Amino acid sequence: MSAAAPLAVEGLSAGYGATEIVEGASFAVPAGGRLAVLGRNGVGKTTLLAALMGLARRQAGRILLDGRDIAGLATPERARLGLGYVPQTRDVFRSLTVEENLIAGLKDRPRAALDEAYAMFPRLGERRRQTASLLSGGEQQMLSTARTVLGRPRVLLLDEPLEGLAPVICDELMAALHRLTESGSMTILLVEQQIERAFDFAPETIVMDRGRIVWSGPTAALRGDRDAVERHLGVGSFR
């Protein structure tokens, strides 16, 4: 396991209270890398991301961010060091405007940096004065993602960002995520149930089952193995 990778996980076991949900997870992601985390519902994918962010209890193992073990740090400190998290719940401040939500993600950056969010998602620029409660689900997902990205995380954790979104919104969001990694300055872990889109996005994939990583390697190898896809993901057909 390479400590030079922006994110390296070594033997991570985690859960809630005394319950262990993730068991012995190990993987690393290179700078600018894109890793898909796949598996059926309830196998521990969300808990894995929560453990990386300090929102689930680590029971064993190390979490290395740029070579530093952050496993003992609180969530705000992990965020300060460069870990960003967009939860499945799309946590936006519903009573605030789009722009006020984005300002909350600036950290110490100047207000002018908001233009980066509007360039990433022009829909947000068009709706900057609207309250977040009036946005569609897809627009709230864009807002949650943009607010986190404005903090310039080194590693971005995304938990099922495409759930319930219209295909055109999915296309816009995935295109924006591709652009974020092009410079090599941001690494992305994507938990996603839309298998084809995850395959298209990430060159490397890990598959979880019952809390353990049961498959790891190049996405092309998994995509070409119909038996493995059916066994681990329960997907009978895709292109």
Foldseek 3Di string as FASTA:
>chain_A
DDLQAQKWWAQWWWAADPDTQAGGDTDGAHQLAEEEEEFDPPNCPLVVLCQLQQNIGTDDTFIHGNNDTCNPPHNVVSLVQFEFEQEPVLDFDQAQFLLVRLVVLQVPHDSVLVVVLCVLPVVCVVRRRPGNNPDDLLVSLSSSVNSRCNNVGQEYEYAASCPPHDPVSVVSVLVSVNVVSPVSRHYYYYYHLPVVSSLVRHQWYFYGGRNYTPDTDGSVVVVPDQVNCCVGPVDNDDD
